[in-house]
Structure formats: structure tokens, C-alpha cells
Amino acid sequence: MADPMRIRAQVAGDKATVRVLMAHEMESGQRKDAGGKIVPAWYIQEVTASHNGKPVLTAEWGPGVSKNPFLQFVVRGAKAGDKIGVSWKDNRGDTRSDEATVS
């Protein structure tokens, strides 16, 4: 399983800015290794985020996203103490889910 995501959620007024750093190699499938063989594609396909269990974001990604991707979004109606959950699934079927508390 992949390393944990670093999730930070800071409230300002009635909105929370959520920043997520995901640990993933994100291989496009177009590169060749030292032996000349194509390195197989391996990338995050779907990212979902929730606020207190309710979905607030769904994103479909492809092989063009960089290694260890960073995602930032704003959640309206969030307040200190609320839970923000983020999960992803890659093209090999691996998944990762993590949660943070809004501060």
C-alpha cells in the first residue's frame, strides 16, 4: 500500500481550503527503461473527497499527472472539527484513503 497522504484543511470564514499531497509514482506508460522496454503505465485514475461523509469532489485523472500529485480545493460550509476524507484508486486496482480534521 502507498504512503499516507498529507492532508491539511484550514477554515477561513465559511470555507475550508483543503490541500492534499499524494505519494504515488505516476508512470505514464510511454517511457522506456535502460533495457529499452516500455515501463508499464501506473497512475491514479479516480480521486474522491468527502466532507463529514458526504462527497464533495470526484476527479478522473490520466497518465499525464505528475509524480506525487498535489491537489487543492475549497469546501463551503466547513467548520473547525469537521472531517475531510480523500481517497484514490489507480489503474492497477490499488487504493488509499486518509482523513483529516479541519482546523
PDB file of N, CA and C in Angstrom:
ATOM      1  N   MET A   1       0.843  -1.191   0.000  1.00  0.00           N
ATOM      2  CA  MET A   1       0.000   0.000   0.000  1.00  0.00           C
ATOM      3  C   MET A   1       0.881   1.245   0.000  1.00  0.00           C
ATOM      4  N   ALA A   2       0.393   2.281  -0.581  1.00  0.00           N
ATOM      5  CA  ALA A   2       1.135   3.533  -0.722  1.00  0.00           C
ATOM      6  C   ALA A   2       1.283   4.254   0.613  1.00  0.00           C
ATOM      7  N   ASP A   3       2.217   5.189   0.639  1.00  0.00           N
ATOM      8  CA  ASP A   3       2.411   6.010   1.832  1.00  0.00           C
ATOM      9  C   ASP A   3       1.171   6.862   2.077  1.00  0.00           C
ATOM     10  N   PRO A   4       0.970   7.284   3.331  1.00  0.00           N
ATOM     11  CA  PRO A   4      -0.205   8.113   3.635  1.00  0.00           C
ATOM     12  C   PRO A   4      -0.178   9.452   2.892  1.00  0.00           C
ATOM     13  N   MET A   5      -1.368   9.955   2.613  1.00  0.00           N
ATOM     14  CA  MET A   5      -1.484  11.282   2.007  1.00  0.00           C
ATOM     15  C   MET A   5      -1.296  12.319   3.105  1.00  0.00           C
ATOM     16  N   ARG A   6      -0.761  13.453   2.727  1.00  0.00           N
ATOM     17  CA  ARG A   6      -0.670  14.578   3.665  1.00  0.00           C
ATOM     18  C   ARG A   6      -1.833  15.499   3.350  1.00  0.00           C
ATOM     19  N   ILE A   7      -2.769  15.593   4.282  1.00  0.00           N
ATOM     20  CA  ILE A   7      -3.971  16.393   4.081  1.00  0.00           C
ATOM     21  C   ILE A   7      -3.988  17.513   5.113  1.00  0.00           C
ATOM     22  N   ARG A   8      -4.168  18.735   4.633  1.00  0.00           N
ATOM     23  CA  ARG A   8      -4.300  19.905   5.502  1.00  0.00           C
ATOM     24  C   ARG A   8      -5.583  20.620   5.115  1.00  0.00           C
ATOM     25  N   ALA A   9      -6.400  20.939   6.102  1.00  0.00           N
ATOM     26  CA  ALA A   9      -7.655  21.648   5.851  1.00  0.00           C
ATOM     27  C   ALA A   9      -7.748  22.801   6.843  1.00  0.00           C
ATOM     28  N   GLN A  10      -7.761  24.032   6.320  1.00  0.00           N
ATOM     29  CA  GLN A  10      -7.804  25.221   7.175  1.00  0.00           C
ATOM     30  C   GLN A  10      -9.052  26.022   6.853  1.00  0.00           C
ATOM     31  N   VAL A  11      -9.778  26.378   7.906  1.00  0.00           N
ATOM     32  CA  VAL A  11     -11.023  27.120   7.745  1.00  0.00           C
ATOM     33  C   VAL A  11     -10.743  28.623   7.721  1.00  0.00           C
ATOM     34  N   ALA A  12     -11.512  29.317   6.885  1.00  0.00           N
ATOM     35  CA  ALA A  12     -11.470  30.781   6.816  1.00  0.00           C
ATOM     36  C   ALA A  12     -12.896  31.221   6.488  1.00  0.00           C
ATOM     37  N   GLY A  13     -13.585  31.751   7.476  1.00  0.00           N
ATOM     38  CA  GLY A  13     -14.989  32.120   7.284  1.00  0.00           C
ATOM     39  C   GLY A  13     -15.848  30.874   7.210  1.00  0.00           C
ATOM     40  N   ASP A  14     -16.649  30.751   6.153  1.00  0.00           N
ATOM     41  CA  ASP A  14     -17.487  29.563   5.991  1.00  0.00           C
ATOM     42  C   ASP A  14     -16.900  28.571   4.980  1.00  0.00           C
ATOM     43  N   LYS A  15     -15.626  28.736   4.633  1.00  0.00           N
ATOM     44  CA  LYS A  15     -14.963  27.861   3.672  1.00  0.00           C
ATOM     45  C   LYS A  15     -13.719  27.246   4.292  1.00  0.00           C
ATOM     46  N   ALA A  16     -13.380  26.065   3.812  1.00  0.00           N
ATOM     47  CA  ALA A  16     -12.124  25.433   4.222  1.00  0.00           C
ATOM     48  C   ALA A  16     -11.306  25.152   2.971  1.00  0.00           C
ATOM     49  N   THR A  17     -10.052  25.543   2.998  1.00  0.00           N
ATOM     50  CA  THR A  17      -9.135  25.224   1.917  1.00  0.00           C
ATOM     51  C   THR A  17      -8.453  23.912   2.263  1.00  0.00           C
ATOM     52  N   VAL A  18      -8.578  22.942   1.368  1.00  0.00           N
ATOM     53  CA  VAL A  18      -8.018  21.611   1.582  1.00  0.00           C
ATOM     54  C   VAL A  18      -6.849  21.424   0.630  1.00  0.00           C
ATOM     55  N   ARG A  19      -5.716  21.001   1.184  1.00  0.00           N
ATOM     56  CA  ARG A  19      -4.518  20.729   0.386  1.00  0.00           C
ATOM     57  C   ARG A  19      -4.127  19.276   0.618  1.00  0.00           C
ATOM     58  N   VAL A  20      -3.892  18.565  -0.472  1.00  0.00           N
ATOM     59  CA  VAL A  20      -3.577  17.138  -0.384  1.00  0.00           C
ATOM     60  C   VAL A  20      -2.320  16.839  -1.192  1.00  0.00           C
ATOM     61  N   LEU A  21      -1.366  16.161  -0.569  1.00  0.00           N
ATOM     62  CA  LEU A  21      -0.172  15.689  -1.262  1.00  0.00           C
ATOM     63  C   LEU A  21      -0.221  14.165  -1.238  1.00  0.00           C
ATOM     64  N   MET A  22      -0.303  13.559  -2.418  1.00  0.00           N
ATOM     65  CA  MET A  22      -0.430  12.112  -2.548  1.00  0.00           C
ATOM     66  C   MET A  22       0.909  11.509  -2.946  1.00  0.00           C
ATOM     67  N   ALA A  23       1.277  10.423  -2.312  1.00  0.00           N
ATOM     68  CA  ALA A  23       2.519   9.722  -2.647  1.00  0.00           C
ATOM     69  C   ALA A  23       2.197   8.626  -3.651  1.00  0.00           C
ATOM     70  N   HIS A  24       2.610   8.835  -4.907  1.00  0.00           N
ATOM     71  CA  HIS A  24       2.374   7.845  -5.966  1.00  0.00           C
ATOM     72  C   HIS A  24       3.367   8.097  -7.098  1.00  0.00           C
ATOM     73  N   GLU A  25       3.889   7.037  -7.676  1.00  0.00           N
ATOM     74  CA  GLU A  25       4.916   7.156  -8.715  1.00  0.00           C
ATOM     75  C   GLU A  25       4.397   7.727 -10.030  1.00  0.00           C
ATOM     76  N   MET A  26       3.146   7.436 -10.412  1.00  0.00           N
ATOM     77  CA  MET A  26       2.517   8.015 -11.602  1.00  0.00           C
ATOM     78  C   MET A  26       3.351   7.819 -12.869  1.00  0.00           C
ATOM     79  N   GLU A  27       3.431   6.603 -13.340  1.00  0.00           N
ATOM     80  CA  GLU A  27       4.156   6.283 -14.572  1.00  0.00           C
ATOM     81  C   GLU A  27       3.196   6.357 -15.756  1.00  0.00           C
ATOM     82  N   SER A  28       3.597   7.047 -16.830  1.00  0.00           N
ATOM     83  CA  SER A  28       2.706   7.297 -17.967  1.00  0.00           C
ATOM     84  C   SER A  28       2.563   6.111 -18.920  1.00  0.00           C
ATOM     85  N   GLY A  29       3.526   5.214 -18.940  1.00  0.00           N
ATOM     86  CA  GLY A  29       3.497   4.100 -19.873  1.00  0.00           C
ATOM     87  C   GLY A  29       4.147   4.426 -21.206  1.00  0.00           C
ATOM     88  N   GLN A  30       4.781   5.570 -21.323  1.00  0.00           N
ATOM     89  CA  GLN A  30       5.426   5.969 -22.568  1.00  0.00           C
ATOM     90  C   GLN A  30       6.951   5.989 -22.476  1.00  0.00           C
ATOM     91  N   ARG A  31       7.457   5.821 -21.264  1.00  0.00           N
ATOM     92  CA  ARG A  31       8.905   5.845 -21.050  1.00  0.00           C
ATOM     93  C   ARG A  31       9.504   4.456 -21.245  1.00  0.00           C
ATOM     94  N   LYS A  32      10.783   4.398 -21.585  1.00  0.00           N
ATOM     95  CA  LYS A  32      11.489   3.122 -21.703  1.00  0.00           C
ATOM     96  C   LYS A  32      12.536   3.027 -20.603  1.00  0.00           C
ATOM     97  N   ASP A  33      12.780   1.803 -20.142  1.00  0.00           N
ATOM     98  CA  ASP A  33      13.805   1.599 -19.122  1.00  0.00           C
ATOM     99  C   ASP A  33      15.177   1.480 -19.795  1.00  0.00           C
ATOM    100  N   ALA A  34      16.214   1.186 -19.013  1.00  0.00           N
ATOM    101  CA  ALA A  34      17.574   1.112 -19.540  1.00  0.00           C
ATOM    102  C   ALA A  34      17.727   0.011 -20.595  1.00  0.00           C
ATOM    103  N   GLY A  35      16.898  -1.020 -20.492  1.00  0.00           N
ATOM    104  CA  GLY A  35      16.963  -2.117 -21.452  1.00  0.00           C
ATOM    105  C   GLY A  35      16.140  -1.890 -22.711  1.00  0.00           C
ATOM    106  N   GLY A  36      15.466  -0.757 -22.806  1.00  0.00           N
ATOM    107  CA  GLY A  36      14.683  -0.425 -23.982  1.00  0.00           C
ATOM    108  C   GLY A  36      13.237  -0.902 -23.937  1.00  0.00           C
ATOM    109  N   LYS A  37      12.847  -1.529 -22.826  1.00  0.00           N
ATOM    110  CA  LYS A  37      11.460  -1.987 -22.695  1.00  0.00           C
ATOM    111  C   LYS A  37      10.590  -0.857 -22.148  1.00  0.00           C
ATOM    112  N   ILE A  38       9.348  -0.806 -22.595  1.00  0.00           N
ATOM    113  CA  ILE A  38       8.415   0.224 -22.118  1.00  0.00           C
ATOM    114  C   ILE A  38       8.048  -0.054 -20.662  1.00  0.00           C
ATOM    115  N   VAL A  39       8.134   0.980 -19.840  1.00  0.00           N
ATOM    116  CA  VAL A  39       7.735   0.882 -18.440  1.00  0.00           C
ATOM    117  C   VAL A  39       6.206   0.927 -18.414  1.00  0.00           C
ATOM    118  N   PRO A  40       5.554  -0.085 -17.811  1.00  0.00           N
ATOM    119  CA  PRO A  40       4.088  -0.125 -17.834  1.00  0.00           C
ATOM    120  C   PRO A  40       3.446   1.080 -17.131  1.00  0.00           C
ATOM    121  N   ALA A  41       2.295   1.469 -17.645  1.00  0.00           N
ATOM    122  CA  ALA A  41       1.555   2.594 -17.064  1.00  0.00           C
ATOM    123  C   ALA A  41       1.109   2.252 -15.639  1.00  0.00           C
ATOM    124  N   TRP A  42       1.166   3.253 -14.768  1.00  0.00           N
ATOM    125  CA  TRP A  42       0.740   3.102 -13.379  1.00  0.00           C
ATOM    126  C   TRP A  42       0.401   4.491 -12.869  1.00  0.00           C
ATOM    127  N   TYR A  43      -0.871   4.802 -12.770  1.00  0.00           N
ATOM    128  CA  TYR A  43      -1.278   6.147 -12.396  1.00  0.00           C
ATOM    129  C   TYR A  43      -2.622   6.130 -11.673  1.00  0.00           C
ATOM    130  N   ILE A  44      -2.890   7.197 -10.948  1.00  0.00           N
ATOM    131  CA  ILE A  44      -4.159   7.352 -10.237  1.00  0.00           C
ATOM    132  C   ILE A  44      -5.239   7.659 -11.265  1.00  0.00           C
ATOM    133  N   GLN A  45      -6.342   6.907 -11.194  1.00  0.00           N
ATOM    134  CA  GLN A  45      -7.445   7.112 -12.127  1.00  0.00           C
ATOM    135  C   GLN A  45      -8.578   7.925 -11.520  1.00  0.00           C
ATOM    136  N   GLU A  46      -8.872   7.700 -10.251  1.00  0.00           N
ATOM    137  CA  GLU A  46     -10.017   8.374  -9.640  1.00  0.00           C
ATOM    138  C   GLU A  46      -9.670   8.886  -8.246  1.00  0.00           C
ATOM    139  N   VAL A  47     -10.029  10.140  -8.003  1.00  0.00           N
ATOM    140  CA  VAL A  47      -9.836  10.759  -6.693  1.00  0.00           C
ATOM    141  C   VAL A  47     -11.205  11.222  -6.203  1.00  0.00           C
ATOM    142  N   THR A  48     -11.518  10.929  -4.952  1.00  0.00           N
ATOM    143  CA  THR A  48     -12.772  11.398  -4.364  1.00  0.00           C
ATOM    144  C   THR A  48     -12.469  12.050  -3.020  1.00  0.00           C
ATOM    145  N   ALA A  49     -13.257  13.052  -2.686  1.00  0.00           N
ATOM    146  CA  ALA A  49     -13.118  13.730  -1.399  1.00  0.00           C
ATOM    147  C   ALA A  49     -14.503  13.857  -0.773  1.00  0.00           C
ATOM    148  N   SER A  50     -14.538  13.801   0.548  1.00  0.00           N
ATOM    149  CA  SER A  50     -15.800  13.929   1.260  1.00  0.00           C
ATOM    150  C   SER A  50     -15.656  14.871   2.447  1.00  0.00           C
ATOM    151  N   HIS A  51     -16.763  15.487   2.806  1.00  0.00           N
ATOM    152  CA  HIS A  51     -16.842  16.390   3.957  1.00  0.00           C
ATOM    153  C   HIS A  51     -17.876  15.792   4.901  1.00  0.00           C
ATOM    154  N   ASN A  52     -17.414  15.317   6.052  1.00  0.00           N
ATOM    155  CA  ASN A  52     -18.278  14.629   7.023  1.00  0.00           C
ATOM    156  C   ASN A  52     -19.062  13.492   6.371  1.00  0.00           C
ATOM    157  N   GLY A  53     -18.404  12.752   5.485  1.00  0.00           N
ATOM    158  CA  GLY A  53     -19.017  11.596   4.850  1.00  0.00           C
ATOM    159  C   GLY A  53     -19.795  11.879   3.577  1.00  0.00           C
ATOM    160  N   LYS A  54     -20.042  13.143   3.258  1.00  0.00           N
ATOM    161  CA  LYS A  54     -20.761  13.495   2.029  1.00  0.00           C
ATOM    162  C   LYS A  54     -19.762  13.821   0.927  1.00  0.00           C
ATOM    163  N   PRO A  55     -19.924  13.221  -0.272  1.00  0.00           N
ATOM    164  CA  PRO A  55     -18.983  13.504  -1.370  1.00  0.00           C
ATOM    165  C   PRO A  55     -19.027  14.973  -1.795  1.00  0.00           C
ATOM    166  N   VAL A  56     -17.843  15.562  -1.961  1.00  0.00           N
ATOM    167  CA  VAL A  56     -17.749  16.961  -2.401  1.00  0.00           C
ATOM    168  C   VAL A  56     -16.901  17.113  -3.654  1.00  0.00           C
ATOM    169  N   LEU A  57     -16.157  16.070  -4.035  1.00  0.00           N
ATOM    170  CA  LEU A  57     -15.282  16.160  -5.201  1.00  0.00           C
ATOM    171  C   LEU A  57     -15.050  14.771  -5.774  1.00  0.00           C
ATOM    172  N   THR A  58     -15.137  14.672  -7.080  1.00  0.00           N
ATOM    173  CA  THR A  58     -14.734  13.469  -7.800  1.00  0.00           C
ATOM    174  C   THR A  58     -13.926  13.925  -9.000  1.00  0.00           C
ATOM    175  N   ALA A  59     -12.754  13.337  -9.158  1.00  0.00           N
ATOM    176  CA  ALA A  59     -11.886  13.706 -10.277  1.00  0.00           C
ATOM    177  C   ALA A  59     -11.404  12.440 -10.967  1.00  0.00           C
ATOM    178  N   GLU A  60     -11.372  12.471 -12.294  1.00  0.00           N
ATOM    179  CA  GLU A  60     -10.824  11.376 -13.077  1.00  0.00           C
ATOM    180  C   GLU A  60      -9.508  11.853 -13.691  1.00  0.00           C
ATOM    181  N   TRP A  61      -8.435  11.156 -13.344  1.00  0.00           N
ATOM    182  CA  TRP A  61      -7.120  11.534 -13.820  1.00  0.00           C
ATOM    183  C   TRP A  61      -6.613  10.528 -14.841  1.00  0.00           C
ATOM    184  N   GLY A  62      -5.592  10.913 -15.571  1.00  0.00           N
ATOM    185  CA  GLY A  62      -4.963  10.042 -16.551  1.00  0.00           C
ATOM    186  C   GLY A  62      -3.462  10.001 -16.343  1.00  0.00           C
ATOM    187  N   PRO A  63      -2.735   9.452 -17.292  1.00  0.00           N
ATOM    188  CA  PRO A  63      -1.290   9.280 -17.138  1.00  0.00           C
ATOM    189  C   PRO A  63      -0.491  10.578 -17.225  1.00  0.00           C
ATOM    190  N   GLY A  64      -1.120  11.697 -17.561  1.00  0.00           N
ATOM    191  CA  GLY A  64      -0.399  12.958 -17.704  1.00  0.00           C
ATOM    192  C   GLY A  64      -0.199  13.718 -16.413  1.00  0.00           C
ATOM    193  N   VAL A  65      -0.574  13.161 -15.276  1.00  0.00           N
ATOM    194  CA  VAL A  65      -0.420  13.838 -13.984  1.00  0.00           C
ATOM    195  C   VAL A  65       0.955  13.500 -13.407  1.00  0.00           C
ATOM    196  N   SER A  66       1.597  14.472 -12.769  1.00  0.00           N
ATOM    197  CA  SER A  66       2.966  14.301 -12.281  1.00  0.00           C
ATOM    198  C   SER A  66       3.067  13.343 -11.094  1.00  0.00           C
ATOM    199  N   LYS A  67       4.286  12.904 -10.838  1.00  0.00           N
ATOM    200  CA  LYS A  67       4.599  12.062  -9.684  1.00  0.00           C
ATOM    201  C   LYS A  67       4.248  12.815  -8.399  1.00  0.00           C
ATOM    202  N   ASN A  68       3.751  12.095  -7.388  1.00  0.00           N
ATOM    203  CA  ASN A  68       3.365  12.674  -6.098  1.00  0.00           C
ATOM    204  C   ASN A  68       2.474  13.906  -6.293  1.00  0.00           C
ATOM    205  N   PRO A  69       1.295  13.715  -6.879  1.00  0.00           N
ATOM    206  CA  PRO A  69       0.442  14.856  -7.224  1.00  0.00           C
ATOM    207  C   PRO A  69      -0.061  15.641  -6.016  1.00  0.00           C
ATOM    208  N   PHE A  70      -0.259  16.930  -6.245  1.00  0.00           N
ATOM    209  CA  PHE A  70      -0.789  17.861  -5.256  1.00  0.00           C
ATOM    210  C   PHE A  70      -2.165  18.307  -5.731  1.00  0.00           C
ATOM    211  N   LEU A  71      -3.133  18.328  -4.819  1.00  0.00           N
ATOM    212  CA  LEU A  71      -4.492  18.737  -5.140  1.00  0.00           C
ATOM    213  C   LEU A  71      -4.945  19.751  -4.101  1.00  0.00           C
ATOM    214  N   GLN A  72      -5.571  20.835  -4.559  1.00  0.00           N
ATOM    215  CA  GLN A  72      -6.123  21.836  -3.642  1.00  0.00           C
ATOM    216  C   GLN A  72      -7.537  22.164  -4.085  1.00  0.00           C
ATOM    217  N   PHE A  73      -8.454  22.237  -3.110  1.00  0.00           N
ATOM    218  CA  PHE A  73      -9.835  22.600  -3.399  1.00  0.00           C
ATOM    219  C   PHE A  73     -10.448  23.264  -2.176  1.00  0.00           C
ATOM    220  N   VAL A  74     -11.606  23.894  -2.375  1.00  0.00           N
ATOM    221  CA  VAL A  74     -12.293  24.617  -1.298  1.00  0.00           C
ATOM    222  C   VAL A  74     -13.625  23.931  -1.022  1.00  0.00           C
ATOM    223  N   VAL A  75     -13.945  23.787   0.271  1.00  0.00           N
ATOM    224  CA  VAL A  75     -15.220  23.203   0.694  1.00  0.00           C
ATOM    225  C   VAL A  75     -16.009  24.286   1.418  1.00  0.00           C
ATOM    226  N   ARG A  76     -17.200  24.578   0.915  1.00  0.00           N
ATOM    227  CA  ARG A  76     -18.060  25.569   1.567  1.00  0.00           C
ATOM    228  C   ARG A  76     -18.824  24.919   2.719  1.00  0.00           C
ATOM    229  N   GLY A  77     -19.088  25.698   3.754  1.00  0.00           N
ATOM    230  CA  GLY A  77     -19.860  25.211   4.888  1.00  0.00           C
ATOM    231  C   GLY A  77     -19.059  24.400   5.886  1.00  0.00           C
ATOM    232  N   ALA A  78     -17.759  24.338   5.723  1.00  0.00           N
ATOM    233  CA  ALA A  78     -16.918  23.577   6.646  1.00  0.00           C
ATOM    234  C   ALA A  78     -16.566  24.437   7.851  1.00  0.00           C
ATOM    235  N   LYS A  79     -16.425  23.783   8.986  1.00  0.00           N
ATOM    236  CA  LYS A  79     -16.016  24.486  10.205  1.00  0.00           C
ATOM    237  C   LYS A  79     -14.999  23.635  10.951  1.00  0.00           C
ATOM    238  N   ALA A  80     -14.319  24.230  11.896  1.00  0.00           N
ATOM    239  CA  ALA A  80     -13.288  23.536  12.663  1.00  0.00           C
ATOM    240  C   ALA A  80     -13.889  22.292  13.321  1.00  0.00           C
ATOM    241  N   GLY A  81     -13.147  21.186  13.224  1.00  0.00           N
ATOM    242  CA  GLY A  81     -13.589  19.927  13.796  1.00  0.00           C
ATOM    243  C   GLY A  81     -14.245  18.987  12.792  1.00  0.00           C
ATOM    244  N   ASP A  82     -14.643  19.496  11.634  1.00  0.00           N
ATOM    245  CA  ASP A  82     -15.230  18.649  10.590  1.00  0.00           C
ATOM    246  C   ASP A  82     -14.170  17.700  10.032  1.00  0.00           C
ATOM    247  N   LYS A  83     -14.619  16.615   9.435  1.00  0.00           N
ATOM    248  CA  LYS A  83     -13.717  15.625   8.851  1.00  0.00           C
ATOM    249  C   LYS A  83     -13.710  15.744   7.331  1.00  0.00           C
ATOM    250  N   ILE A  84     -12.514  15.731   6.762  1.00  0.00           N
ATOM    251  CA  ILE A  84     -12.316  15.713   5.320  1.00  0.00           C
ATOM    252  C   ILE A  84     -11.635  14.386   4.978  1.00  0.00           C
ATOM    253  N   GLY A  85     -12.257  13.615   4.120  1.00  0.00           N
ATOM    254  CA  GLY A  85     -11.690  12.340   3.688  1.00  0.00           C
ATOM    255  C   GLY A  85     -11.314  12.407   2.223  1.00  0.00           C
ATOM    256  N   VAL A  86     -10.183  11.818   1.878  1.00  0.00           N
ATOM    257  CA  VAL A  86      -9.717  11.778   0.490  1.00  0.00           C
ATOM    258  C   VAL A  86      -9.304  10.343   0.188  1.00  0.00           C
ATOM    259  N   SER A  87      -9.718   9.852  -0.984  1.00  0.00           N
ATOM    260  CA  SER A  87      -9.309   8.516  -1.397  1.00  0.00           C
ATOM    261  C   SER A  87      -8.989   8.513  -2.884  1.00  0.00           C
ATOM    262  N   TRP A  88      -8.147   7.577  -3.279  1.00  0.00           N
ATOM    263  CA  TRP A  88      -7.818   7.426  -4.693  1.00  0.00           C
ATOM    264  C   TRP A  88      -7.756   5.957  -5.058  1.00  0.00           C
ATOM    265  N   LYS A  89      -7.887   5.696  -6.361  1.00  0.00           N
ATOM    266  CA  LYS A  89      -7.767   4.349  -6.914  1.00  0.00           C
ATOM    267  C   LYS A  89      -6.921   4.455  -8.181  1.00  0.00           C
ATOM    268  N   ASP A  90      -5.939   3.553  -8.325  1.00  0.00           N
ATOM    269  CA  ASP A  90      -5.100   3.625  -9.523  1.00  0.00           C
ATOM    270  C   ASP A  90      -5.464   2.537 -10.527  1.00  0.00           C
ATOM    271  N   ASN A  91      -4.805   2.545 -11.683  1.00  0.00           N
ATOM    272  CA  ASN A  91      -5.148   1.624 -12.759  1.00  0.00           C
ATOM    273  C   ASN A  91      -4.741   0.186 -12.483  1.00  0.00           C
ATOM    274  N   ARG A  92      -4.018  -0.078 -11.407  1.00  0.00           N
ATOM    275  CA  ARG A  92      -3.683  -1.445 -11.004  1.00  0.00           C
ATOM    276  C   ARG A  92      -4.652  -1.969  -9.945  1.00  0.00           C
ATOM    277  N   GLY A  93      -5.591  -1.111  -9.535  1.00  0.00           N
ATOM    278  CA  GLY A  93      -6.555  -1.520  -8.516  1.00  0.00           C
ATOM    279  C   GLY A  93      -6.156  -1.160  -7.090  1.00  0.00           C
ATOM    280  N   ASP A  94      -4.966  -0.595  -6.904  1.00  0.00           N
ATOM    281  CA  ASP A  94      -4.546  -0.169  -5.564  1.00  0.00           C
ATOM    282  C   ASP A  94      -5.383   1.023  -5.127  1.00  0.00           C
ATOM    283  N   THR A  95      -5.649   1.119  -3.842  1.00  0.00           N
ATOM    284  CA  THR A  95      -6.422   2.240  -3.307  1.00  0.00           C
ATOM    285  C   THR A  95      -5.747   2.789  -2.059  1.00  0.00           C
ATOM    286  N   ARG A  96      -6.112   3.994  -1.725  1.00  0.00           N
ATOM    287  CA  ARG A  96      -5.628   4.635  -0.497  1.00  0.00           C
ATOM    288  C   ARG A  96      -6.702   5.595  -0.031  1.00  0.00           C
ATOM    289  N   SER A  97      -6.980   5.606   1.270  1.00  0.00           N
ATOM    290  CA  SER A  97      -7.930   6.540   1.874  1.00  0.00           C
ATOM    291  C   SER A  97      -7.318   7.118   3.134  1.00  0.00           C
ATOM    292  N   ASP A  98      -7.458   8.406   3.302  1.00  0.00           N
ATOM    293  CA  ASP A  98      -6.977   9.078   4.504  1.00  0.00           C
ATOM    294  C   ASP A  98      -7.972  10.154   4.887  1.00  0.00           C
ATOM    295  N   GLU A  99      -7.874  10.600   6.145  1.00  0.00           N
ATOM    296  CA  GLU A  99      -8.816  11.581   6.679  1.00  0.00           C
ATOM    297  C   GLU A  99      -8.070  12.620   7.510  1.00  0.00           C
ATOM    298  N   ALA A 100      -8.578  13.817   7.526  1.00  0.00           N
ATOM    299  CA  ALA A 100      -8.009  14.896   8.332  1.00  0.00           C
ATOM    300  C   ALA A 100      -9.141  15.700   8.951  1.00  0.00           C
ATOM    301  N   THR A 101      -8.802  16.402  10.017  1.00  0.00           N
ATOM    302  CA  THR A 101      -9.760  17.252  10.708  1.00  0.00           C
ATOM    303  C   THR A 101      -9.502  18.706  10.312  1.00  0.00           C
ATOM    304  N   VAL A 102     -10.577  19.429  10.022  1.00  0.00           N
ATOM    305  CA  VAL A 102     -10.457  20.840   9.662  1.00  0.00           C
ATOM    306  C   VAL A 102     -10.008  21.609  10.899  1.00  0.00           C
ATOM    307  N   SER A 103      -9.013  22.478  10.721  1.00  0.00           N
ATOM    308  CA  SER A 103      -8.520  23.300  11.842  1.00  0.00           C
ATOM    309  C   SER A 103      -8.743  24.764  11.588  1.00  0.00           C
TER     310      SER A 103
END
